[in-house]
Amino acid sequence: MKKSWRSYLPSRSLTTAQCIACGVNESHLICYNGRHVHREIVDDLASLINAAKLAGFTLYMASAFRSFERQKSIWEHKFSMRRPVLDLNNQAVDLSELSEIEKVRAIMLFSALPGASRHHFGTDIDVYARDRLPAQQSLQLEPWEYQEGGHQYEFSLWLDSNLERYGFYRPYDRFRGGVAAEPWHISHWRTAKPLADLQSPATLKALLAHTNIGAKTAILDNLEALHQQFIANIAPK
């Protein structure tokens, strides 16, 4: 675990469980197939990977655990327009024309607030079938790849029919007015649920109030509404 995580705690007032939920404690993780995941999901994940193999798909993890610091870096790169911010039509958004809160909402369409990402849990994974990726083509993690005509479409259909059997589901199965649809994002729901409950507005406020982050004032002033629209607004399970 990185020694810097305690610097994010206001008077160390967050519990260990809250720190795990917000990506500033890594004690719950284990390395599996080259990625860090929550130790409690390994058996079910292994079963899912094996079932995919038997069905003719080589399931790979494009992303698993992501720390608070990593999520903050993504946020800052997007807020400063060093990394593109996309809309629902996959078009770049000009943040310079937006208010602070509009910038926040534009970024949160595809990128979570630091401390509020489900990737902090180690239970949520971005997956793809490596054997279906065309030669000389990089994975983009964009919806078209998993839609009809895309190279991950058959794999996506298989996930639809098999995820629940192994304890997983898609929290961003469709656009609900918050986070855009992410057909690649799967979650081990039994392990993720208690951690998601700990990512409350109060916990996030305690964490972010002591963090230098782009649009900090707008975030803190609108945290309840942002939480309802982008964090709690997921597929029911």
C-alpha atoms as a PDB file:
ATOM      1  CA  MET A   1       0.000   0.000   0.000  1.00  0.00           C
ATOM      2  CA  LYS A   2       1.222   3.467  -0.841  1.00  0.00           C
ATOM      3  CA  LYS A   3       2.339   5.328   2.247  1.00  0.00           C
ATOM      4  CA  SER A   4       0.617   8.539   1.100  1.00  0.00           C
ATOM      5  CA  TRP A   5      -2.984   7.394   1.533  1.00  0.00           C
ATOM      6  CA  ARG A   6      -3.356   8.725   5.076  1.00  0.00           C
ATOM      7  CA  SER A   7      -2.697  12.243   3.822  1.00  0.00           C
ATOM      8  CA  TYR A   8      -6.199  12.181   2.342  1.00  0.00           C
ATOM      9  CA  LEU A   9      -7.904  11.563   5.672  1.00  0.00           C
ATOM     10  CA  PRO A  10      -9.289  14.591   7.513  1.00  0.00           C
ATOM     11  CA  SER A  11      -7.959  13.962  11.024  1.00  0.00           C
ATOM     12  CA  ARG A  12      -8.052  10.258  10.091  1.00  0.00           C
ATOM     13  CA  SER A  13     -11.810  10.387  10.563  1.00  0.00           C
ATOM     14  CA  LEU A  14     -12.662   7.842   7.867  1.00  0.00           C
ATOM     15  CA  THR A  15     -12.856   4.177   8.783  1.00  0.00           C
ATOM     16  CA  THR A  16     -10.751   1.529   7.092  1.00  0.00           C
ATOM     17  CA  ALA A  17     -13.849   0.297   5.242  1.00  0.00           C
ATOM     18  CA  GLN A  18     -14.581   3.803   3.985  1.00  0.00           C
ATOM     19  CA  CYS A  19     -10.982   4.146   2.841  1.00  0.00           C
ATOM     20  CA  ILE A  20     -11.261   0.873   0.928  1.00  0.00           C
ATOM     21  CA  ALA A  21     -14.487   2.063  -0.712  1.00  0.00           C
ATOM     22  CA  CYS A  22     -12.859   5.331  -1.765  1.00  0.00           C
ATOM     23  CA  GLY A  23      -9.639   3.892  -3.137  1.00  0.00           C
ATOM     24  CA  VAL A  24      -7.217   5.051  -0.448  1.00  0.00           C
ATOM     25  CA  ASN A  25      -6.603   1.669   1.169  1.00  0.00           C
ATOM     26  CA  GLU A  26      -5.479  -1.390  -0.797  1.00  0.00           C
ATOM     27  CA  SER A  27      -5.520  -4.032   1.943  1.00  0.00           C
ATOM     28  CA  HIS A  28      -8.453  -5.876   0.320  1.00  0.00           C
ATOM     29  CA  LEU A  29      -6.624  -6.592  -2.932  1.00  0.00           C
ATOM     30  CA  ILE A  30      -4.880  -9.599  -4.425  1.00  0.00           C
ATOM     31  CA  CYS A  31      -3.073  -9.884  -7.750  1.00  0.00           C
ATOM     32  CA  TYR A  32      -4.908 -12.184 -10.171  1.00  0.00           C
ATOM     33  CA  ASN A  33      -4.021 -12.602 -13.854  1.00  0.00           C
ATOM     34  CA  GLY A  34      -1.903  -9.483 -13.722  1.00  0.00           C
ATOM     35  CA  ARG A  35      -4.612  -7.234 -12.209  1.00  0.00           C
ATOM     36  CA  HIS A  36      -5.426  -6.262  -8.654  1.00  0.00           C
ATOM     37  CA  VAL A  37      -8.912  -7.359  -7.597  1.00  0.00           C
ATOM     38  CA  HIS A  38     -10.805  -7.848  -4.349  1.00  0.00           C
ATOM     39  CA  ARG A  39      -9.740 -11.137  -2.783  1.00  0.00           C
ATOM     40  CA  GLU A  40     -13.386 -12.193  -2.317  1.00  0.00           C
ATOM     41  CA  ILE A  41     -14.165 -12.261  -6.052  1.00  0.00           C
ATOM     42  CA  VAL A  42     -11.297 -14.454  -7.265  1.00  0.00           C
ATOM     43  CA  ASP A  43     -13.125 -17.801  -7.224  1.00  0.00           C
ATOM     44  CA  ASP A  44     -16.150 -16.480  -9.112  1.00  0.00           C
ATOM     45  CA  LEU A  45     -13.939 -14.549 -11.527  1.00  0.00           C
ATOM     46  CA  ALA A  46     -11.900 -17.664 -12.263  1.00  0.00           C
ATOM     47  CA  SER A  47     -15.107 -19.600 -12.922  1.00  0.00           C
ATOM     48  CA  LEU A  48     -16.350 -16.876 -15.269  1.00  0.00           C
ATOM     49  CA  ILE A  49     -13.075 -16.841 -17.201  1.00  0.00           C
ATOM     50  CA  ASN A  50     -13.101 -20.629 -17.499  1.00  0.00           C
ATOM     51  CA  ALA A  51     -16.724 -20.679 -18.667  1.00  0.00           C
ATOM     52  CA  ALA A  52     -15.924 -18.040 -21.282  1.00  0.00           C
ATOM     53  CA  LYS A  53     -12.999 -20.157 -22.495  1.00  0.00           C
ATOM     54  CA  LEU A  54     -15.234 -23.201 -22.859  1.00  0.00           C
ATOM     55  CA  ALA A  55     -17.644 -21.038 -24.882  1.00  0.00           C
ATOM     56  CA  GLY A  56     -14.842 -19.933 -27.183  1.00  0.00           C
ATOM     57  CA  PHE A  57     -13.936 -16.540 -25.698  1.00  0.00           C
ATOM     58  CA  THR A  58     -10.606 -15.529 -24.167  1.00  0.00           C
ATOM     59  CA  LEU A  59     -11.787 -13.188 -21.401  1.00  0.00           C
ATOM     60  CA  TYR A  60      -9.225 -10.552 -20.459  1.00  0.00           C
ATOM     61  CA  MET A  61      -9.383  -7.743 -17.940  1.00  0.00           C
ATOM     62  CA  ALA A  62      -8.698  -4.348 -19.500  1.00  0.00           C
ATOM     63  CA  SER A  63      -8.935  -2.678 -16.086  1.00  0.00           C
ATOM     64  CA  ALA A  64      -9.701  -3.700 -12.513  1.00  0.00           C
ATOM     65  CA  PHE A  65      -8.758  -1.855  -9.303  1.00  0.00           C
ATOM     66  CA  ARG A  66      -8.017   1.828  -9.710  1.00  0.00           C
ATOM     67  CA  SER A  67      -6.679   3.878  -6.807  1.00  0.00           C
ATOM     68  CA  PHE A  68      -7.890   7.284  -5.653  1.00  0.00           C
ATOM     69  CA  GLU A  69      -4.655   8.809  -6.923  1.00  0.00           C
ATOM     70  CA  ARG A  70      -5.072   7.236 -10.368  1.00  0.00           C
ATOM     71  CA  GLN A  71      -8.708   8.370 -10.604  1.00  0.00           C
ATOM     72  CA  LYS A  72      -7.681  11.862  -9.536  1.00  0.00           C
ATOM     73  CA  SER A  73      -5.059  11.926 -12.303  1.00  0.00           C
ATOM     74  CA  ILE A  74      -7.693  10.981 -14.899  1.00  0.00           C
ATOM     75  CA  TRP A  75     -10.001  13.692 -13.527  1.00  0.00           C
ATOM     76  CA  GLU A  76      -7.338  16.394 -13.630  1.00  0.00           C
ATOM     77  CA  HIS A  77      -6.275  15.503 -17.172  1.00  0.00           C
ATOM     78  CA  LYS A  78      -9.869  15.785 -18.364  1.00  0.00           C
ATOM     79  CA  PHE A  79     -10.647  18.927 -16.380  1.00  0.00           C
ATOM     80  CA  SER A  80      -7.574  20.659 -17.826  1.00  0.00           C
ATOM     81  CA  MET A  81      -8.491  19.390 -21.330  1.00  0.00           C
ATOM     82  CA  ARG A  82      -5.243  17.449 -21.641  1.00  0.00           C
ATOM     83  CA  ARG A  83      -7.415  14.402 -22.284  1.00  0.00           C
ATOM     84  CA  PRO A  84     -10.655  14.499 -24.332  1.00  0.00           C
ATOM     85  CA  VAL A  85     -14.060  14.583 -22.682  1.00  0.00           C
ATOM     86  CA  LEU A  86     -16.660  12.857 -24.846  1.00  0.00           C
ATOM     87  CA  ASP A  87     -20.427  13.199 -25.077  1.00  0.00           C
ATOM     88  CA  LEU A  88     -22.975  10.443 -25.696  1.00  0.00           C
ATOM     89  CA  ASN A  89     -22.307  10.680 -29.445  1.00  0.00           C
ATOM     90  CA  ASN A  90     -18.583  10.092 -28.878  1.00  0.00           C
ATOM     91  CA  GLN A  91     -17.838  13.692 -29.828  1.00  0.00           C
ATOM     92  CA  ALA A  92     -15.323  15.845 -27.952  1.00  0.00           C
ATOM     93  CA  VAL A  93     -16.780  18.459 -25.596  1.00  0.00           C
ATOM     94  CA  ASP A  94     -15.254  21.946 -25.414  1.00  0.00           C
ATOM     95  CA  LEU A  95     -15.063  22.439 -21.649  1.00  0.00           C
ATOM     96  CA  SER A  96     -13.910  26.034 -22.061  1.00  0.00           C
ATOM     97  CA  GLU A  97     -17.485  27.035 -22.902  1.00  0.00           C
ATOM     98  CA  LEU A  98     -19.018  25.403 -19.822  1.00  0.00           C
ATOM     99  CA  SER A  99     -19.593  26.477 -16.234  1.00  0.00           C
ATOM    100  CA  GLU A 100     -17.776  24.593 -13.453  1.00  0.00           C
ATOM    101  CA  ILE A 101     -20.740  22.369 -12.644  1.00  0.00           C
ATOM    102  CA  GLU A 102     -21.354  21.716 -16.344  1.00  0.00           C
ATOM    103  CA  LYS A 103     -17.724  20.621 -16.662  1.00  0.00           C
ATOM    104  CA  VAL A 104     -18.184  18.240 -13.727  1.00  0.00           C
ATOM    105  CA  ARG A 105     -21.287  16.661 -15.253  1.00  0.00           C
ATOM    106  CA  ALA A 106     -19.613  16.363 -18.654  1.00  0.00           C
ATOM    107  CA  ILE A 107     -16.632  14.531 -17.151  1.00  0.00           C
ATOM    108  CA  MET A 108     -18.781  12.281 -14.954  1.00  0.00           C
ATOM    109  CA  LEU A 109     -20.601  10.936 -18.006  1.00  0.00           C
ATOM    110  CA  PHE A 110     -17.624   8.594 -18.506  1.00  0.00           C
ATOM    111  CA  SER A 111     -15.232   9.222 -15.591  1.00  0.00           C
ATOM    112  CA  ALA A 112     -16.071   8.982 -11.897  1.00  0.00           C
ATOM    113  CA  LEU A 113     -15.168  11.476  -9.232  1.00  0.00           C
ATOM    114  CA  PRO A 114     -12.021  10.455  -7.357  1.00  0.00           C
ATOM    115  CA  GLY A 115     -13.252   8.536  -4.334  1.00  0.00           C
ATOM    116  CA  ALA A 116     -16.501   7.604  -6.075  1.00  0.00           C
ATOM    117  CA  SER A 117     -15.303   5.155  -8.725  1.00  0.00           C
ATOM    118  CA  ARG A 118     -16.549   1.566  -8.495  1.00  0.00           C
ATOM    119  CA  HIS A 119     -13.083   0.551  -9.662  1.00  0.00           C
ATOM    120  CA  HIS A 120     -11.847   1.491  -6.182  1.00  0.00           C
ATOM    121  CA  PHE A 121     -13.611  -1.619  -4.843  1.00  0.00           C
ATOM    122  CA  GLY A 122     -11.585  -4.192  -6.762  1.00  0.00           C
ATOM    123  CA  THR A 123     -14.938  -5.846  -7.509  1.00  0.00           C
ATOM    124  CA  ASP A 124     -15.552  -4.068 -10.807  1.00  0.00           C
ATOM    125  CA  ILE A 125     -13.714  -5.018 -13.968  1.00  0.00           C
ATOM    126  CA  ASP A 126     -13.650  -3.887 -17.591  1.00  0.00           C
ATOM    127  CA  VAL A 127     -13.634  -7.049 -19.710  1.00  0.00           C
ATOM    128  CA  TYR A 128     -13.245  -8.008 -23.343  1.00  0.00           C
ATOM    129  CA  ALA A 129     -12.609 -11.110 -25.461  1.00  0.00           C
ATOM    130  CA  ARG A 130      -9.006 -10.790 -26.558  1.00  0.00           C
ATOM    131  CA  ASP A 131      -9.398 -13.379 -29.291  1.00  0.00           C
ATOM    132  CA  ARG A 132     -12.135 -11.269 -30.924  1.00  0.00           C
ATOM    133  CA  LEU A 133     -10.008  -8.125 -31.098  1.00  0.00           C
ATOM    134  CA  PRO A 134      -8.948  -7.576 -34.722  1.00  0.00           C
ATOM    135  CA  ALA A 135      -5.239  -7.762 -35.477  1.00  0.00           C
ATOM    136  CA  GLN A 136      -3.401  -4.452 -35.250  1.00  0.00           C
ATOM    137  CA  GLN A 137      -6.400  -2.860 -33.500  1.00  0.00           C
ATOM    138  CA  SER A 138      -6.352  -1.523 -29.940  1.00  0.00           C
ATOM    139  CA  LEU A 139      -9.297  -1.880 -27.594  1.00  0.00           C
ATOM    140  CA  GLN A 140     -11.105   1.458 -27.246  1.00  0.00           C
ATOM    141  CA  LEU A 141     -13.703   0.540 -24.591  1.00  0.00           C
ATOM    142  CA  GLU A 142     -16.394   2.313 -26.569  1.00  0.00           C
ATOM    143  CA  PRO A 143     -20.017   1.093 -26.856  1.00  0.00           C
ATOM    144  CA  TRP A 144     -19.851   0.403 -30.614  1.00  0.00           C
ATOM    145  CA  GLU A 145     -17.331  -2.390 -29.998  1.00  0.00           C
ATOM    146  CA  TYR A 146     -19.948  -4.315 -27.986  1.00  0.00           C
ATOM    147  CA  GLN A 147     -22.934  -3.497 -30.209  1.00  0.00           C
ATOM    148  CA  GLU A 148     -24.150  -5.416 -33.271  1.00  0.00           C
ATOM    149  CA  GLY A 149     -21.429  -5.300 -35.884  1.00  0.00           C
ATOM    150  CA  GLY A 150     -18.701  -4.655 -33.289  1.00  0.00           C
ATOM    151  CA  HIS A 151     -15.906  -7.127 -32.624  1.00  0.00           C
ATOM    152  CA  GLN A 152     -17.092  -7.755 -29.024  1.00  0.00           C
ATOM    153  CA  TYR A 153     -20.774  -8.226 -29.896  1.00  0.00           C
ATOM    154  CA  GLU A 154     -20.927 -12.028 -29.618  1.00  0.00           C
ATOM    155  CA  PHE A 155     -18.944 -11.907 -26.393  1.00  0.00           C
ATOM    156  CA  SER A 156     -21.349  -9.279 -25.046  1.00  0.00           C
ATOM    157  CA  LEU A 157     -24.309 -11.547 -25.811  1.00  0.00           C
ATOM    158  CA  TRP A 158     -22.563 -14.356 -23.953  1.00  0.00           C
ATOM    159  CA  LEU A 159     -22.034 -12.072 -20.948  1.00  0.00           C
ATOM    160  CA  ASP A 160     -25.742 -11.215 -20.983  1.00  0.00           C
ATOM    161  CA  SER A 161     -26.599 -14.888 -20.567  1.00  0.00           C
ATOM    162  CA  ASN A 162     -23.890 -15.902 -18.102  1.00  0.00           C
ATOM    163  CA  LEU A 163     -22.819 -13.076 -15.785  1.00  0.00           C
ATOM    164  CA  GLU A 164     -25.479 -13.665 -13.144  1.00  0.00           C
ATOM    165  CA  ARG A 165     -24.571 -17.350 -12.880  1.00  0.00           C
ATOM    166  CA  TYR A 166     -21.138 -16.369 -11.561  1.00  0.00           C
ATOM    167  CA  GLY A 167     -22.233 -13.502  -9.305  1.00  0.00           C
ATOM    168  CA  PHE A 168     -21.631 -10.597 -11.698  1.00  0.00           C
ATOM    169  CA  TYR A 169     -23.815  -8.023 -13.411  1.00  0.00           C
ATOM    170  CA  ARG A 170     -23.522  -4.817 -15.438  1.00  0.00           C
ATOM    171  CA  PRO A 171     -24.137  -1.727 -13.277  1.00  0.00           C
ATOM    172  CA  TYR A 172     -24.041   0.515 -16.352  1.00  0.00           C
ATOM    173  CA  ASP A 173     -26.113  -1.677 -18.654  1.00  0.00           C
ATOM    174  CA  ARG A 174     -27.784   1.362 -20.215  1.00  0.00           C
ATOM    175  CA  PHE A 175     -27.830   5.143 -19.951  1.00  0.00           C
ATOM    176  CA  ARG A 176     -30.044   6.267 -17.076  1.00  0.00           C
ATOM    177  CA  GLY A 177     -29.308   9.979 -17.210  1.00  0.00           C
ATOM    178  CA  GLY A 178     -26.048   9.670 -15.296  1.00  0.00           C
ATOM    179  CA  VAL A 179     -23.117   7.513 -16.393  1.00  0.00           C
ATOM    180  CA  ALA A 180     -23.131   6.463 -20.044  1.00  0.00           C
ATOM    181  CA  ALA A 181     -23.698   2.806 -20.908  1.00  0.00           C
ATOM    182  CA  GLU A 182     -20.558   0.721 -20.328  1.00  0.00           C
ATOM    183  CA  PRO A 183     -21.173  -2.803 -21.651  1.00  0.00           C
ATOM    184  CA  TRP A 184     -17.592  -3.777 -20.784  1.00  0.00           C
ATOM    185  CA  HIS A 185     -17.984  -2.963 -17.058  1.00  0.00           C
ATOM    186  CA  ILE A 186     -18.970  -5.894 -14.834  1.00  0.00           C
ATOM    187  CA  SER A 187     -19.359  -5.979 -11.058  1.00  0.00           C
ATOM    188  CA  HIS A 188     -19.352  -8.737  -8.457  1.00  0.00           C
ATOM    189  CA  TRP A 189     -22.511  -7.419  -6.895  1.00  0.00           C
ATOM    190  CA  ARG A 190     -22.485  -9.171  -3.489  1.00  0.00           C
ATOM    191  CA  THR A 191     -19.001  -7.869  -2.699  1.00  0.00           C
ATOM    192  CA  ALA A 192     -19.516  -4.459  -4.300  1.00  0.00           C
ATOM    193  CA  LYS A 193     -22.817  -3.600  -2.596  1.00  0.00           C
ATOM    194  CA  PRO A 194     -21.526  -2.886   0.941  1.00  0.00           C
ATOM    195  CA  LEU A 195     -18.635  -0.873  -0.478  1.00  0.00           C
ATOM    196  CA  ALA A 196     -20.960   1.156  -2.684  1.00  0.00           C
ATOM    197  CA  ASP A 197     -23.070   1.949   0.369  1.00  0.00           C
ATOM    198  CA  LEU A 198     -19.973   3.439   2.025  1.00  0.00           C
ATOM    199  CA  GLN A 199     -19.439   5.882  -0.854  1.00  0.00           C
ATOM    200  CA  SER A 200     -22.013   8.216   0.668  1.00  0.00           C
ATOM    201  CA  PRO A 201     -22.146  11.973   0.076  1.00  0.00           C
ATOM    202  CA  ALA A 202     -20.907  12.502   3.639  1.00  0.00           C
ATOM    203  CA  THR A 203     -17.884  10.230   3.123  1.00  0.00           C
ATOM    204  CA  LEU A 204     -17.035  11.819  -0.218  1.00  0.00           C
ATOM    205  CA  LYS A 205     -17.355  15.304   1.240  1.00  0.00           C
ATOM    206  CA  ALA A 206     -14.980  14.434   4.081  1.00  0.00           C
ATOM    207  CA  LEU A 207     -12.471  13.107   1.564  1.00  0.00           C
ATOM    208  CA  LEU A 208     -12.738  15.714  -1.184  1.00  0.00           C
ATOM    209  CA  ALA A 209     -12.870  18.706   1.162  1.00  0.00           C
ATOM    210  CA  HIS A 210      -9.224  17.963   1.960  1.00  0.00           C
ATOM    211  CA  THR A 211      -8.185  17.240  -1.644  1.00  0.00           C
ATOM    212  CA  ASN A 212      -7.007  19.620  -4.348  1.00  0.00           C
ATOM    213  CA  ILE A 213      -9.206  18.808  -7.330  1.00  0.00           C
ATOM    214  CA  GLY A 214     -10.516  20.679 -10.352  1.00  0.00           C
ATOM    215  CA  ALA A 215     -13.980  22.235  -9.795  1.00  0.00           C
ATOM    216  CA  LYS A 216     -13.763  21.432  -6.090  1.00  0.00           C
ATOM    217  CA  THR A 217     -16.229  24.122  -4.993  1.00  0.00           C
ATOM    218  CA  ALA A 218     -18.808  23.117  -7.601  1.00  0.00           C
ATOM    219  CA  ILE A 219     -18.435  19.465  -6.621  1.00  0.00           C
ATOM    220  CA  LEU A 220     -18.891  20.068  -2.896  1.00  0.00           C
ATOM    221  CA  ASP A 221     -21.803  22.483  -3.428  1.00  0.00           C
ATOM    222  CA  ASN A 222     -23.646  19.932  -5.590  1.00  0.00           C
ATOM    223  CA  LEU A 223     -22.485  16.662  -4.070  1.00  0.00           C
ATOM    224  CA  GLU A 224     -25.911  15.316  -3.081  1.00  0.00           C
ATOM    225  CA  ALA A 225     -27.319  15.861  -6.584  1.00  0.00           C
ATOM    226  CA  LEU A 226     -24.195  14.485  -8.270  1.00  0.00           C
ATOM    227  CA  HIS A 227     -24.318  11.412  -6.052  1.00  0.00           C
ATOM    228  CA  GLN A 228     -27.945  10.772  -6.949  1.00  0.00           C
ATOM    229  CA  GLN A 229     -27.413  11.281 -10.695  1.00  0.00           C
ATOM    230  CA  PHE A 230     -24.068   9.585 -11.290  1.00  0.00           C
ATOM    231  CA  ILE A 231     -23.107   7.358  -8.338  1.00  0.00           C
ATOM    232  CA  ALA A 232     -26.285   5.786  -6.973  1.00  0.00           C
ATOM    233  CA  ASN A 233     -28.012   5.775 -10.372  1.00  0.00           C
ATOM    234  CA  ILE A 234     -27.081   2.292 -11.566  1.00  0.00           C
ATOM    235  CA  ALA A 235     -28.816  -0.930 -12.608  1.00  0.00           C
ATOM    236  CA  PRO A 236     -30.785  -2.449  -9.711  1.00  0.00           C
ATOM    237  CA  LYS A 237     -29.622  -5.708  -8.220  1.00  0.00           C
END
